[in-house]
Amino acid sequence: MTTRWLTPEEQRAWRAYIAASQLLEDAIDRQLQQEAGMPHLFYSVLANLSDAPDHRLRMTDLAETLKITRSRLTYAATRLERDGLLRRENCRWDRRSSIAVLTDAGRAVLERTAPGHVETVRATLFDRLTPEQVGQLEEICTGIARGLQGEDDTAAGSGDVPWRRRSSPCSGSVDSA
């Protein structure tokens, strides 16, 4: 098989993407650590629960929404539960699953932290783009996500998505997410 090397234009675009995504994630993480004492992932867990009906989601659905492995979500949920920001309940219709529920304390952290988070996102990303570029960014990111999730006809869409991965190769184990 012949390697399809990146063109100079693709290489520049790739490196620009890597630099921007790492700097953006770092800026968001710093703001959330300073204001809420938590990384972006933990904030995202709480924010997604806040948006869910009754502030609750099945853990596997939450992992899919966040595009992370179930084991990574279990780790985050354990820390957030220890801090009283969410609780887990047994799922009545699926004994293998659990439900993550946003607590009042979690909601209070979001209410206190959301204004600074939104301002950081706006200042680091959207204030640097024209309205046309915002639409292009959405289109580009949506296309990439669809391809990586196997939702289009590209060969790169393997369907090996994070929320379906298990942290260990043990067969027959029940994932707590």
Protein backbone atom coordinates (compact mmCIF):
# COMPACT_ATOMS: atom_id res chain seq x y z
CA MET A 1 0.00 0.00 0.00
CA THR A 2 1.31 3.43 -0.92
CA THR A 3 1.33 6.14 1.75
CA ARG A 4 -0.83 9.10 0.84
CA TRP A 5 1.36 11.87 2.27
CA LEU A 6 -0.23 15.19 3.12
CA THR A 7 0.18 17.95 0.62
CA PRO A 8 1.93 21.10 1.89
CA GLU A 9 -1.50 22.78 2.17
CA GLU A 10 -2.93 19.82 4.12
CA GLN A 11 0.14 19.72 6.38
CA ARG A 12 -0.26 23.42 7.22
CA ALA A 13 -3.99 22.96 7.85
CA TRP A 14 -3.33 19.91 10.04
CA ARG A 15 -0.72 21.68 12.13
CA ALA A 16 -2.94 24.75 12.47
CA TYR A 17 -5.82 22.53 13.61
CA ILE A 18 -3.62 20.76 16.19
CA ALA A 19 -2.26 24.04 17.56
CA ALA A 20 -5.70 25.68 17.73
CA SER A 21 -7.45 22.69 19.31
CA GLN A 22 -4.76 22.23 21.96
CA LEU A 23 -4.63 25.94 22.81
CA LEU A 24 -8.43 26.15 22.94
CA GLU A 25 -8.75 23.12 25.21
CA ASP A 26 -6.00 24.48 27.45
CA ALA A 27 -7.71 27.88 27.77
CA ILE A 28 -11.05 26.27 28.60
CA ASP A 29 -9.47 23.87 31.10
CA ARG A 30 -7.60 26.70 32.85
CA GLN A 31 -10.76 28.79 33.19
CA LEU A 32 -12.76 25.86 34.56
CA GLN A 33 -10.01 24.81 36.95
CA GLN A 34 -9.79 28.38 38.29
CA GLU A 35 -13.54 28.94 38.63
CA ALA A 36 -14.86 25.46 39.41
CA GLY A 37 -11.85 23.34 40.32
CA MET A 38 -12.63 20.86 37.57
CA PRO A 39 -11.45 19.99 34.07
CA HIS A 40 -13.50 20.60 30.94
CA LEU A 41 -14.68 16.97 30.82
CA PHE A 42 -16.26 17.17 34.28
CA TYR A 43 -17.96 20.45 33.39
CA SER A 44 -19.26 18.88 30.17
CA VAL A 45 -20.77 15.98 32.13
CA LEU A 46 -22.63 18.42 34.36
CA ALA A 47 -23.69 20.65 31.45
CA ASN A 48 -25.10 17.71 29.50
CA LEU A 49 -27.05 16.53 32.53
CA SER A 50 -28.35 20.06 32.96
CA ASP A 51 -29.72 19.99 29.41
CA ALA A 52 -31.31 16.53 29.78
CA PRO A 53 -34.95 15.97 30.72
CA ASP A 54 -35.23 15.86 34.53
CA HIS A 55 -31.43 16.45 34.62
CA ARG A 56 -30.77 12.72 34.21
CA LEU A 57 -29.27 10.47 31.54
CA ARG A 58 -28.38 6.84 31.26
CA MET A 59 -24.58 6.59 31.55
CA THR A 60 -24.19 4.93 28.13
CA ASP A 61 -26.20 7.73 26.51
CA LEU A 62 -24.12 10.33 28.33
CA ALA A 63 -20.90 8.67 27.10
CA GLU A 64 -22.23 8.77 23.54
CA THR A 65 -23.22 12.43 23.84
CA LEU A 66 -19.79 13.32 25.20
CA LYS A 67 -17.97 11.11 22.65
CA ILE A 68 -15.90 9.39 25.34
CA THR A 69 -15.33 5.84 26.53
CA ARG A 70 -17.66 4.47 29.14
CA SER A 71 -14.71 3.86 31.47
CA ARG A 72 -13.62 7.50 31.17
CA LEU A 73 -17.16 8.61 31.98
CA THR A 74 -17.28 6.23 34.95
CA TYR A 75 -14.08 7.81 36.28
CA ALA A 76 -15.47 11.34 35.86
CA ALA A 77 -18.84 10.38 37.38
CA THR A 78 -17.12 8.80 40.39
CA ARG A 79 -15.21 12.02 41.07
CA LEU A 80 -18.29 14.20 40.53
CA GLU A 81 -20.37 11.91 42.74
CA ARG A 82 -17.71 12.07 45.47
CA ASP A 83 -17.94 15.89 45.30
CA GLY A 84 -21.76 15.72 45.52
CA LEU A 85 -22.30 17.19 42.04
CA LEU A 86 -24.07 14.17 40.61
CA ARG A 87 -25.48 10.91 41.87
CA ARG A 88 -25.99 7.58 40.17
CA GLU A 89 -29.14 5.54 40.37
CA ASN A 90 -29.95 2.07 39.17
CA CYS A 91 -31.75 1.95 35.85
CA ARG A 92 -35.20 0.38 36.34
CA TRP A 93 -35.53 -0.87 32.76
CA ASP A 94 -31.93 -2.09 32.23
CA ARG A 95 -30.20 -3.69 35.21
CA ARG A 96 -26.82 -3.41 33.49
CA SER A 97 -27.03 0.39 33.30
CA SER A 98 -27.10 3.26 35.71
CA ILE A 99 -28.51 6.75 35.49
CA ALA A 100 -26.47 9.89 36.18
CA VAL A 101 -28.48 12.62 37.90
CA LEU A 102 -27.40 16.23 38.36
CA THR A 103 -27.68 17.27 42.01
CA ASP A 104 -28.63 20.70 43.32
CA ALA A 105 -24.96 21.26 44.18
CA GLY A 106 -24.00 20.37 40.59
CA ARG A 107 -26.58 22.78 39.24
CA ALA A 108 -25.22 25.51 41.54
CA VAL A 109 -21.67 24.93 40.24
CA LEU A 110 -22.94 25.24 36.66
CA GLU A 111 -24.86 28.43 37.41
CA ARG A 112 -21.78 29.96 39.03
CA THR A 113 -19.32 28.78 36.35
CA ALA A 114 -21.31 29.04 33.10
CA PRO A 115 -20.92 32.81 32.55
CA GLY A 116 -17.10 32.61 32.71
CA HIS A 117 -17.07 29.47 30.60
CA VAL A 118 -19.22 31.05 27.88
CA GLU A 119 -17.04 34.17 27.92
CA THR A 120 -13.90 32.03 27.51
CA VAL A 121 -15.45 30.12 24.60
CA ARG A 122 -16.56 33.37 23.00
CA ALA A 123 -13.20 35.15 23.49
CA THR A 124 -11.05 32.21 22.40
CA LEU A 125 -13.14 31.06 19.44
CA PHE A 126 -16.20 32.94 18.26
CA ASP A 127 -14.85 36.49 18.63
CA ARG A 128 -12.10 35.48 16.19
CA LEU A 129 -14.50 34.31 13.46
CA THR A 130 -16.85 36.02 11.06
CA PRO A 131 -20.48 34.82 10.97
CA GLU A 132 -19.65 33.03 7.70
CA GLN A 133 -16.70 31.27 9.33
CA VAL A 134 -18.92 30.13 12.22
CA GLY A 135 -21.18 28.40 9.68
CA GLN A 136 -18.16 26.89 7.93
CA LEU A 137 -16.73 25.67 11.23
CA GLU A 138 -20.01 23.95 12.06
CA GLU A 139 -20.18 22.35 8.61
CA ILE A 140 -16.57 21.16 8.75
CA CYS A 141 -16.81 19.75 12.28
CA THR A 142 -20.15 18.06 11.57
CA GLY A 143 -18.70 16.40 8.47
CA ILE A 144 -15.65 15.17 10.34
CA ALA A 145 -17.76 13.83 13.24
CA ARG A 146 -20.15 12.03 10.89
CA GLY A 147 -17.26 10.40 9.07
CA LEU A 148 -15.54 9.27 12.26
CA GLN A 149 -18.80 7.84 13.61
CA GLY A 150 -19.40 5.89 10.42
CA GLU A 151 -22.41 7.99 9.42
CA ASP A 152 -21.22 8.64 5.87
CA ASP A 153 -19.83 6.62 2.99
CA THR A 154 -16.13 7.30 3.59
CA ALA A 155 -13.71 4.47 4.22
CA ALA A 156 -12.41 6.26 7.33
CA GLY A 157 -15.75 5.86 9.09
CA SER A 158 -14.90 2.73 11.03
CA GLY A 159 -17.67 2.95 13.57
CA ASP A 160 -15.03 2.34 16.29
CA VAL A 161 -16.42 5.13 18.39
CA PRO A 162 -15.26 5.87 21.94
CA TRP A 163 -18.50 5.16 23.80
CA ARG A 164 -18.58 1.61 22.41
CA ARG A 165 -15.00 0.83 23.47
CA ARG A 166 -14.33 -1.09 26.63
CA SER A 167 -11.35 -0.29 28.80
CA SER A 168 -10.31 -3.94 29.10
CA PRO A 169 -10.54 -6.88 26.72
CA CYS A 170 -12.26 -9.06 29.34
CA SER A 171 -15.27 -10.77 27.84
CA GLY A 172 -18.45 -11.04 29.78
CA SER A 173 -17.67 -8.12 32.07
CA VAL A 174 -20.44 -5.69 32.83
CA ASP A 175 -19.49 -2.08 32.17
CA SER A 176 -20.65 0.20 34.96
CA ALA A 177 -21.39 2.96 32.47
